[in-house]
Amino acid sequence: MDPSSDTATSFPTAMRGVMPADLLERDARCPFDPAPGLLSRRDGDPVQPLPLANGARAWLVTGFEEARAVLADGRFSNDRIRHPDATQMSAEQAANGYCPVDVPERRDGMFIFMDPPEHTRLRSLLTGQFTVRRMRALESRLREIAVEHIEAMRAAGTSADLVPSYALPLPSLMICELLGVDYADRETFQRNTAVALSSTSSDEDRARAGGELYAFIAGLVAAKRAAPSDDLLSGLVHDADPPLTDAQLIDMTLVLLGAGHETTANNLALGMFALLERPEQLAALRADPSLIDGTVEELLRYCSIIQLGVSRVATEDVAIGGVTIAAGETVVIGTPETNRDPRHWADPDHLDVRRERAPHLAFGHGIHQCLGQQLARAEMRVGVEELVTRMPDLRLAVPADEVPLRNDMLIFGVHALPVTWG
């Protein structure tokens, strides 16, 4: 789950029209590596000019420390209304130059695309809902769900697609329980979120999916106003002071629902794919279960589900990595490559479950760092641990190059992961 960082939702389809194609699609022969265009830039400077097809000037950050510096610097804005992002501009807009927009007050709830103080207020309301008691209850329930789905797979035969049978239900059930959504309604948000995150969806399909999602969540908000229960959304509805509007509640819930199942589901499936493809690493984890926490961090670093990364706009001239980013220029963080920076990790292209833990950018950094990262880690830890323990003979059912990759989606991963056992 990555609800309060912008890594899950800040990669708009428009970016594909202006970004060099070699930065966006993984090589099927090396599905865990950054896209070829990122790899080819590794020997260059950590902050490099990034030519965009719309004619705008932007910068690509591939260095780990430089990326952290950008994400922690308040002079870089994530408010896309007040500070337009070059990756989302048409050629005409780019030609007219950068022009900040005067917006006296944001009244929506898309806090991931806000700057302080508006971002601070809305994020703090969510922080108050992620209580220790609630997280402990969810983790206990998570293990029950994992075991139930493993037993269901085993009872059904000796093969399964791990994505719909395991990787997707775990975080989907968790986000449903967190928000108080009836699990029977999960297909509504899963289907429409998939359309919204597909780079091949038409504008019409994306608008329809967005409308259905908005209507679904509007009904959910209304239900929580009328009959609150012990869930996060009820807390937001009734505890905020001053109260949140329906529009703000719907926006915030959209972010949580969309990010809360897509990100972890793909992290879990892609991580298991990587382990199954590296039997020596899987054997090391099975031999020493205490490696599980380090394994989760290594999978998060190594298997980036972000196709490229988040972007920011400089609100004034800022020096980063030996270059000056001019006011109004867009900076794109090459997350898959920043997590492979050889200045930060030894042998970064090697998956090593024994690697000493070190900070990575899978959950972002700074004020937009993932609010739900501890739940996401728990979902990864329990999801991997239970599979490894309860299915010791689990293996791929097809050659690795036949596993379908999500190169057509804004969140990377696998469309299916056929496995077998017994």
Protein backbone atom coordinates (compact mmCIF):
# COMPACT_ATOMS: atom_id res chain seq x y z
CA MET A 1 0.00 0.00 0.00
CA ASP A 2 1.31 3.41 -0.92
CA PRO A 3 -1.53 5.81 -0.24
CA SER A 4 0.18 8.99 0.79
CA SER A 5 3.25 8.96 -1.36
CA ASP A 6 2.65 9.98 -4.94
CA THR A 7 4.53 7.03 -6.41
CA ALA A 8 1.38 5.06 -7.09
CA THR A 9 -0.70 7.69 -8.78
CA SER A 10 1.58 10.40 -10.13
CA PHE A 11 2.55 8.77 -13.42
CA PRO A 12 -0.15 10.11 -15.73
CA THR A 13 -0.84 8.59 -19.11
CA ALA A 14 0.09 11.93 -20.72
CA MET A 15 3.69 11.28 -19.68
CA ARG A 16 3.92 8.48 -22.22
CA GLY A 17 3.30 10.95 -25.01
CA VAL A 18 6.22 13.19 -24.11
CA MET A 19 8.77 10.92 -22.41
CA PRO A 20 11.47 9.01 -24.33
CA ALA A 21 10.04 5.51 -24.87
CA ASP A 22 13.22 3.77 -23.71
CA LEU A 23 12.60 5.10 -20.18
CA LEU A 24 9.18 3.51 -19.84
CA GLU A 25 9.24 -0.14 -20.91
CA ARG A 26 11.22 -2.93 -19.28
CA ASP A 27 13.13 -5.48 -21.34
CA ALA A 28 11.28 -8.81 -21.16
CA ARG A 29 14.65 -10.56 -20.97
CA CYS A 30 15.50 -8.63 -17.79
CA PRO A 31 12.10 -7.77 -16.27
CA PHE A 32 13.47 -6.81 -12.87
CA ASP A 33 15.94 -4.24 -14.20
CA PRO A 34 15.20 -0.58 -14.89
CA ALA A 35 14.12 0.26 -18.43
CA PRO A 36 16.97 0.22 -20.98
CA GLY A 37 16.99 4.00 -21.24
CA LEU A 38 17.61 4.34 -17.52
CA LEU A 39 20.37 1.73 -17.56
CA SER A 40 22.10 3.46 -20.46
CA ARG A 41 22.20 6.70 -18.47
CA ARG A 42 23.87 5.13 -15.43
CA ASP A 43 27.34 6.27 -16.39
CA GLY A 44 26.18 9.84 -16.85
CA ASP A 45 25.70 12.57 -14.28
CA PRO A 46 23.20 11.92 -11.44
CA VAL A 47 21.11 14.86 -12.72
CA GLN A 48 20.80 14.89 -16.52
CA PRO A 49 18.89 16.96 -19.09
CA LEU A 50 15.74 15.16 -20.18
CA PRO A 51 14.43 16.10 -23.64
CA LEU A 52 10.65 15.88 -23.90
CA ALA A 53 8.68 15.41 -27.11
CA ASN A 54 6.55 18.48 -26.34
CA GLY A 55 9.63 20.69 -26.47
CA ALA A 56 9.73 21.49 -22.76
CA ARG A 57 12.93 21.32 -20.75
CA ALA A 58 13.10 18.86 -17.87
CA TRP A 59 15.68 17.02 -15.78
CA LEU A 60 16.10 13.33 -14.94
CA VAL A 61 17.54 12.38 -11.54
CA THR A 62 19.16 8.94 -11.39
CA GLY A 63 21.35 9.40 -8.31
CA PHE A 64 20.03 8.17 -4.95
CA GLU A 65 21.28 11.06 -2.82
CA GLU A 66 20.25 13.64 -5.41
CA ALA A 67 16.75 12.13 -5.56
CA ARG A 68 16.42 12.28 -1.77
CA ALA A 69 17.56 15.89 -1.86
CA VAL A 70 14.86 16.84 -4.37
CA LEU A 71 12.11 14.99 -2.51
CA ALA A 72 13.07 16.61 0.80
CA ASP A 73 13.41 20.16 -0.55
CA GLY A 74 10.38 22.40 -0.06
CA ARG A 75 11.44 24.49 -3.06
CA PHE A 76 10.20 21.67 -5.30
CA SER A 77 6.43 21.64 -5.63
CA ASN A 78 4.03 18.77 -6.16
CA ASP A 79 1.02 21.08 -6.57
CA ARG A 80 0.18 20.54 -10.23
CA ILE A 81 -2.52 23.16 -10.27
CA ARG A 82 -0.32 26.02 -9.10
CA HIS A 83 2.91 24.73 -10.69
CA PRO A 84 2.28 22.99 -14.04
CA ASP A 85 4.35 19.88 -14.74
CA ALA A 86 6.12 19.80 -18.12
CA THR A 87 5.50 16.05 -18.51
CA GLN A 88 1.77 16.77 -18.68
CA MET A 89 1.89 19.72 -21.09
CA SER A 90 0.90 19.80 -24.73
CA ALA A 91 3.42 21.19 -27.21
CA GLU A 92 1.44 24.44 -27.31
CA GLN A 93 1.48 24.78 -23.53
CA ALA A 94 5.19 24.01 -23.41
CA ALA A 95 5.91 26.61 -26.11
CA ASN A 96 4.09 29.29 -24.14
CA GLY A 97 6.42 28.76 -21.21
CA TYR A 98 5.97 28.12 -17.51
CA CYS A 99 3.30 30.18 -15.83
CA PRO A 100 2.36 29.63 -12.15
CA VAL A 101 -1.37 29.60 -11.56
CA ASP A 102 -2.82 31.75 -8.79
CA VAL A 103 -5.14 29.49 -6.79
CA PRO A 104 -6.07 31.08 -3.45
CA GLU A 105 -7.31 27.86 -1.85
CA ARG A 106 -7.46 24.20 -2.79
CA ARG A 107 -10.86 22.71 -1.99
CA ASP A 108 -10.30 19.21 -3.31
CA GLY A 109 -8.89 16.24 -1.38
CA MET A 110 -6.06 15.14 -3.68
CA PHE A 111 -3.50 15.71 -0.95
CA ILE A 112 -0.77 13.80 -2.77
CA PHE A 113 -0.72 16.65 -5.30
CA MET A 114 -0.62 19.46 -2.73
CA ASP A 115 2.07 21.42 -0.94
CA PRO A 116 1.97 22.65 2.68
CA PRO A 117 -0.07 23.86 4.40
CA GLU A 118 -2.97 22.17 2.59
CA HIS A 119 -1.10 18.88 2.26
CA THR A 120 -0.08 18.99 5.92
CA ARG A 121 -3.65 19.31 7.19
CA LEU A 122 -5.11 16.49 5.10
CA ARG A 123 -2.18 14.13 5.64
CA SER A 124 -2.29 14.71 9.41
CA LEU A 125 -5.94 13.62 9.43
CA LEU A 126 -4.94 10.33 7.83
CA THR A 127 -1.95 9.90 10.13
CA GLY A 128 -4.32 10.03 13.08
CA GLN A 129 -6.34 7.16 11.61
CA PHE A 130 -3.35 4.83 11.18
CA THR A 131 -3.35 3.86 14.85
CA VAL A 132 -1.15 1.16 16.38
CA ARG A 133 -4.26 -0.72 17.48
CA ARG A 134 -5.73 -0.68 13.99
CA MET A 135 -2.47 -1.77 12.34
CA ARG A 136 -2.03 -4.68 14.78
CA ALA A 137 -5.56 -5.89 14.16
CA LEU A 138 -5.03 -5.69 10.40
CA GLU A 139 -1.75 -7.61 10.55
CA SER A 140 -3.35 -10.39 12.58
CA ARG A 141 -6.17 -10.60 10.05
CA LEU A 142 -3.66 -10.48 7.18
CA ARG A 143 -2.01 -13.73 8.27
CA GLU A 144 -5.39 -15.45 8.47
CA ILE A 145 -6.22 -14.29 4.94
CA ALA A 146 -2.85 -15.48 3.58
CA VAL A 147 -3.28 -18.95 5.07
CA GLU A 148 -6.88 -19.18 3.82
CA HIS A 149 -5.84 -18.40 0.26
CA ILE A 150 -2.88 -20.79 0.32
CA GLU A 151 -5.10 -23.60 1.56
CA ALA A 152 -7.69 -22.77 -1.11
CA MET A 153 -5.01 -22.99 -3.83
CA ARG A 154 -3.78 -26.33 -2.52
CA ALA A 155 -7.30 -27.71 -2.27
CA ALA A 156 -8.01 -26.73 -5.89
CA GLY A 157 -5.12 -28.71 -7.37
CA THR A 158 -1.41 -28.41 -8.05
CA SER A 159 -1.26 -25.19 -10.06
CA ALA A 160 -2.61 -21.65 -9.93
CA ASP A 161 -2.15 -18.11 -11.16
CA LEU A 162 -0.61 -16.44 -8.13
CA VAL A 163 -1.91 -12.97 -9.07
CA PRO A 164 -5.70 -13.47 -8.73
CA SER A 165 -5.35 -16.36 -6.30
CA TYR A 166 -3.05 -14.69 -3.79
CA ALA A 167 -1.16 -11.48 -4.60
CA LEU A 168 -4.25 -9.38 -5.40
CA PRO A 169 -6.69 -10.64 -2.72
CA LEU A 170 -4.34 -9.97 0.21
CA PRO A 171 -4.00 -6.18 -0.17
CA SER A 172 -7.53 -5.88 -1.58
CA LEU A 173 -9.01 -7.45 1.53
CA MET A 174 -6.80 -5.29 3.71
CA ILE A 175 -7.84 -2.02 2.07
CA CYS A 176 -11.48 -3.12 2.24
CA GLU A 177 -11.18 -3.79 5.98
CA LEU A 178 -9.24 -0.57 6.55
CA LEU A 179 -11.85 1.59 4.81
CA GLY A 180 -14.92 -0.41 5.74
CA VAL A 181 -15.72 -1.48 2.17
CA ASP A 182 -17.76 -4.62 1.59
CA TYR A 183 -15.35 -7.09 -0.03
CA ALA A 184 -18.12 -8.12 -2.41
CA ASP A 185 -17.72 -4.65 -3.96
CA ARG A 186 -14.00 -5.10 -4.64
CA GLU A 187 -14.52 -5.93 -8.31
CA THR A 188 -15.98 -2.46 -8.84
CA PHE A 189 -12.86 -0.61 -7.76
CA GLN A 190 -10.41 -3.24 -9.04
CA ARG A 191 -11.89 -3.17 -12.55
CA ASN A 192 -12.14 0.59 -12.76
CA THR A 193 -8.71 1.18 -11.21
CA ALA A 194 -7.20 -1.17 -13.81
CA VAL A 195 -8.77 0.88 -16.60
CA ALA A 196 -7.56 4.14 -15.06
CA LEU A 197 -3.99 2.82 -14.71
CA SER A 198 -3.75 1.27 -18.17
CA SER A 199 -1.67 3.29 -20.62
CA THR A 200 -3.72 1.81 -23.46
CA SER A 201 -7.13 2.93 -22.16
CA SER A 202 -8.93 5.50 -24.28
CA ASP A 203 -9.88 8.85 -22.81
CA GLU A 204 -13.52 7.77 -22.97
CA ASP A 205 -12.88 4.51 -21.10
CA ARG A 206 -10.80 6.32 -18.50
CA ALA A 207 -13.52 8.93 -17.99
CA ARG A 208 -16.16 6.23 -17.63
CA ALA A 209 -14.07 4.29 -15.12
CA GLY A 210 -13.38 7.47 -13.15
CA GLY A 211 -17.06 8.31 -13.07
CA GLU A 212 -18.00 4.85 -11.81
CA LEU A 213 -15.33 5.00 -9.13
CA TYR A 214 -16.45 8.45 -8.04
CA ALA A 215 -20.08 7.34 -7.81
CA PHE A 216 -19.13 4.20 -5.89
CA ILE A 217 -17.10 6.14 -3.32
CA ALA A 218 -19.73 8.89 -3.04
CA GLY A 219 -22.19 6.19 -1.99
CA LEU A 220 -19.67 4.81 0.48
CA VAL A 221 -19.12 8.25 2.06
CA ALA A 222 -22.87 8.76 2.36
CA ALA A 223 -23.21 5.39 4.06
CA LYS A 224 -20.48 6.25 6.58
CA ARG A 225 -22.15 9.56 7.38
CA ALA A 226 -25.40 7.76 8.10
CA ALA A 227 -24.00 4.74 9.94
CA PRO A 228 -20.33 5.03 11.02
CA SER A 229 -18.33 2.00 12.11
CA ASP A 230 -14.83 1.32 13.40
CA ASP A 231 -12.95 1.96 10.16
CA LEU A 232 -10.67 4.62 8.74
CA LEU A 233 -13.23 6.24 6.46
CA SER A 234 -15.76 6.59 9.28
CA GLY A 235 -13.02 8.25 11.31
CA LEU A 236 -12.31 10.75 8.54
CA VAL A 237 -16.02 11.47 8.12
CA HIS A 238 -16.73 12.11 11.80
CA ASP A 239 -13.44 13.10 13.47
CA ALA A 240 -12.07 15.87 11.23
CA ASP A 241 -12.27 19.40 12.64
CA PRO A 242 -13.28 21.35 10.64
CA PRO A 243 -15.26 18.61 8.89
CA LEU A 244 -14.16 17.42 5.47
CA THR A 245 -16.46 18.02 2.54
CA ASP A 246 -17.85 15.12 0.54
CA ALA A 247 -15.57 16.11 -2.36
CA GLN A 248 -12.49 15.96 -0.12
CA LEU A 249 -13.53 12.62 1.37
CA ILE A 250 -14.16 11.12 -2.06
CA ASP A 251 -10.79 12.30 -3.38
CA MET A 252 -8.91 10.98 -0.35
CA THR A 253 -10.69 7.64 -0.55
CA LEU A 254 -9.94 7.38 -4.27
CA VAL A 255 -6.23 7.73 -3.49
CA LEU A 256 -6.38 5.14 -0.70
CA LEU A 257 -8.37 2.60 -2.69
CA GLY A 258 -6.33 2.97 -5.84
CA ALA A 259 -2.95 2.88 -4.17
CA GLY A 260 -3.87 0.44 -1.43
CA HIS A 261 -4.22 -2.65 -3.55
CA GLU A 262 -2.45 -2.04 -6.89
CA THR A 263 0.96 -1.27 -5.42
CA THR A 264 1.33 -4.10 -2.91
CA ALA A 265 -0.32 -6.67 -5.19
CA ASN A 266 2.30 -5.96 -7.85
CA ASN A 267 5.16 -5.77 -5.34
CA LEU A 268 4.16 -9.17 -3.98
CA ALA A 269 3.72 -10.84 -7.37
CA LEU A 270 6.89 -9.34 -8.86
CA GLY A 271 8.86 -10.15 -5.71
CA MET A 272 7.78 -13.80 -5.78
CA PHE A 273 8.64 -13.94 -9.49
CA ALA A 274 12.15 -12.70 -8.67
CA LEU A 275 12.60 -15.24 -5.87
CA LEU A 276 11.30 -18.13 -7.97
CA GLU A 277 13.72 -17.12 -10.72
CA ARG A 278 16.62 -17.15 -8.24
CA PRO A 279 16.37 -20.47 -6.41
CA GLU A 280 19.57 -19.85 -4.45
CA GLN A 281 18.04 -16.75 -2.87
CA LEU A 282 14.77 -18.55 -2.17
CA ALA A 283 16.72 -21.42 -0.60
CA ALA A 284 18.62 -18.99 1.62
CA LEU A 285 15.37 -17.52 2.89
CA ARG A 286 13.86 -20.95 3.51
CA ALA A 287 16.97 -22.01 5.40
CA ASP A 288 16.95 -18.89 7.57
CA PRO A 289 13.44 -17.43 8.08
CA SER A 290 14.95 -14.57 10.12
CA LEU A 291 16.01 -13.06 6.77
CA ILE A 292 12.40 -12.20 5.93
CA ASP A 293 12.51 -8.51 6.94
CA GLY A 294 15.71 -7.93 4.98
CA THR A 295 14.27 -9.88 2.06
CA VAL A 296 11.24 -7.59 1.93
CA GLU A 297 13.45 -4.47 1.86
CA GLU A 298 15.66 -6.00 -0.83
CA LEU A 299 12.65 -6.92 -2.97
CA LEU A 300 11.26 -3.39 -2.60
CA ARG A 301 14.61 -1.96 -3.72
CA TYR A 302 15.30 -4.46 -6.49
CA CYS A 303 11.83 -4.93 -7.98
CA SER A 304 10.65 -1.39 -8.58
CA ILE A 305 6.98 -1.31 -9.60
CA ILE A 306 7.26 2.35 -10.60
CA GLN A 307 7.67 2.55 -14.36
CA LEU A 308 9.71 5.73 -14.11
CA GLY A 309 9.08 7.91 -11.07
CA VAL A 310 7.54 10.96 -9.51
CA SER A 311 8.05 14.50 -10.70
CA ARG A 312 8.45 17.89 -9.05
CA VAL A 313 8.54 21.50 -10.27
CA ALA A 314 11.12 23.98 -8.97
CA THR A 315 9.52 27.11 -7.51
CA GLU A 316 12.87 28.94 -7.58
CA ASP A 317 16.37 28.25 -8.87
CA VAL A 318 17.80 25.26 -7.01
CA ALA A 319 21.26 23.66 -7.25
CA ILE A 320 21.16 19.84 -7.18
CA GLY A 321 23.90 17.43 -8.21
CA GLY A 322 26.11 20.11 -9.68
CA VAL A 323 23.45 21.65 -11.93
CA THR A 324 21.00 24.49 -11.42
CA ILE A 325 17.32 23.67 -11.87
CA ALA A 326 15.65 26.90 -12.96
CA ALA A 327 12.35 28.06 -11.48
CA GLY A 328 9.50 26.38 -13.37
CA GLU A 329 11.55 23.45 -14.63
CA THR A 330 10.33 19.91 -14.04
CA VAL A 331 12.44 17.24 -12.35
CA VAL A 332 11.64 13.53 -12.85
CA ILE A 333 12.98 11.02 -10.33
CA GLY A 334 14.10 7.82 -12.07
CA THR A 335 13.08 5.64 -9.13
CA PRO A 336 14.07 2.22 -10.58
CA GLU A 337 17.57 3.54 -11.27
CA THR A 338 17.97 5.51 -8.03
CA ASN A 339 17.40 2.21 -6.21
CA ARG A 340 20.28 0.71 -8.23
CA ASP A 341 22.75 3.57 -7.70
CA PRO A 342 26.21 1.92 -7.52
CA ARG A 343 27.43 4.78 -5.31
CA HIS A 344 24.91 3.65 -2.68
CA TRP A 345 24.84 -0.15 -3.08
CA ALA A 346 27.54 -2.66 -3.89
CA ASP A 347 26.58 -4.86 -6.86
CA PRO A 348 23.16 -3.14 -7.11
CA ASP A 349 21.88 -5.32 -9.97
CA HIS A 350 22.13 -8.44 -7.83
CA LEU A 351 19.22 -9.60 -5.66
CA ASP A 352 20.68 -10.54 -2.28
CA VAL A 353 18.36 -11.50 0.58
CA ARG A 354 21.34 -11.24 2.95
CA ARG A 355 22.13 -7.66 1.93
CA GLU A 356 22.58 -5.29 4.85
CA ARG A 357 19.53 -3.05 5.07
CA ALA A 358 19.92 0.46 3.71
CA PRO A 359 17.44 3.23 2.83
CA HIS A 360 15.71 3.01 -0.56
CA LEU A 361 13.09 5.08 -2.36
CA ALA A 362 10.37 2.47 -2.93
CA PHE A 363 8.12 4.45 -0.57
CA GLY A 364 9.38 7.86 -1.61
CA HIS A 365 10.98 10.36 0.74
CA GLY A 366 10.13 13.65 2.41
CA ILE A 367 6.67 14.93 3.23
CA HIS A 368 5.03 12.71 0.61
CA GLN A 369 6.65 9.52 1.87
CA CYS A 370 4.18 6.64 2.01
CA LEU A 371 1.89 6.93 5.00
CA GLY A 372 0.89 3.25 4.79
CA GLN A 373 4.39 1.83 4.35
CA GLN A 374 4.29 -0.22 7.55
CA LEU A 375 1.10 -1.95 6.42
CA ALA A 376 2.66 -2.47 2.98
CA ARG A 377 5.72 -4.04 4.58
CA ALA A 378 3.48 -6.29 6.68
CA GLU A 379 1.58 -7.41 3.58
CA MET A 380 4.86 -8.21 1.82
CA ARG A 381 6.37 -9.92 4.86
CA VAL A 382 3.36 -12.12 5.61
CA GLY A 383 2.62 -12.76 1.93
CA VAL A 384 6.14 -14.00 1.14
CA GLU A 385 6.70 -15.74 4.47
CA GLU A 386 3.53 -17.85 4.33
CA LEU A 387 4.13 -18.91 0.74
CA VAL A 388 7.74 -19.87 1.39
CA THR A 389 6.84 -21.78 4.56
CA ARG A 390 3.66 -23.54 3.47
CA MET A 391 4.58 -24.26 -0.15
CA PRO A 392 8.22 -25.40 -0.10
CA ASP A 393 7.98 -26.90 -3.60
CA LEU A 394 6.43 -23.83 -5.23
CA ARG A 395 7.90 -23.11 -8.68
CA LEU A 396 7.09 -21.38 -11.95
CA ALA A 397 4.76 -23.32 -14.23
CA VAL A 398 6.02 -21.62 -17.42
CA PRO A 399 9.40 -20.35 -18.64
CA ALA A 400 10.21 -16.96 -17.19
CA ASP A 401 10.05 -15.26 -20.59
CA GLU A 402 6.41 -16.36 -20.92
CA VAL A 403 5.30 -14.51 -17.79
CA PRO A 404 3.30 -11.51 -19.11
CA LEU A 405 4.70 -8.18 -17.95
CA ARG A 406 2.63 -5.07 -17.15
CA ASN A 407 4.48 -2.80 -19.58
CA ASP A 408 1.08 -1.51 -20.64
CA MET A 409 0.24 -0.34 -17.11
CA LEU A 410 1.36 2.67 -15.11
CA ILE A 411 2.19 0.36 -12.21
CA PHE A 412 4.69 -2.31 -13.30
CA GLY A 413 4.44 -5.97 -12.37
CA VAL A 414 3.07 -9.12 -13.98
CA HIS A 415 -0.41 -9.70 -15.38
CA ALA A 416 -0.22 -13.34 -14.35
CA LEU A 417 2.21 -15.58 -12.47
CA PRO A 418 1.50 -19.27 -13.26
CA VAL A 419 2.94 -21.49 -10.53
CA THR A 420 2.83 -25.18 -9.67
CA TRP A 421 3.71 -27.46 -6.77
CA GLY A 422 3.57 -31.09 -5.77
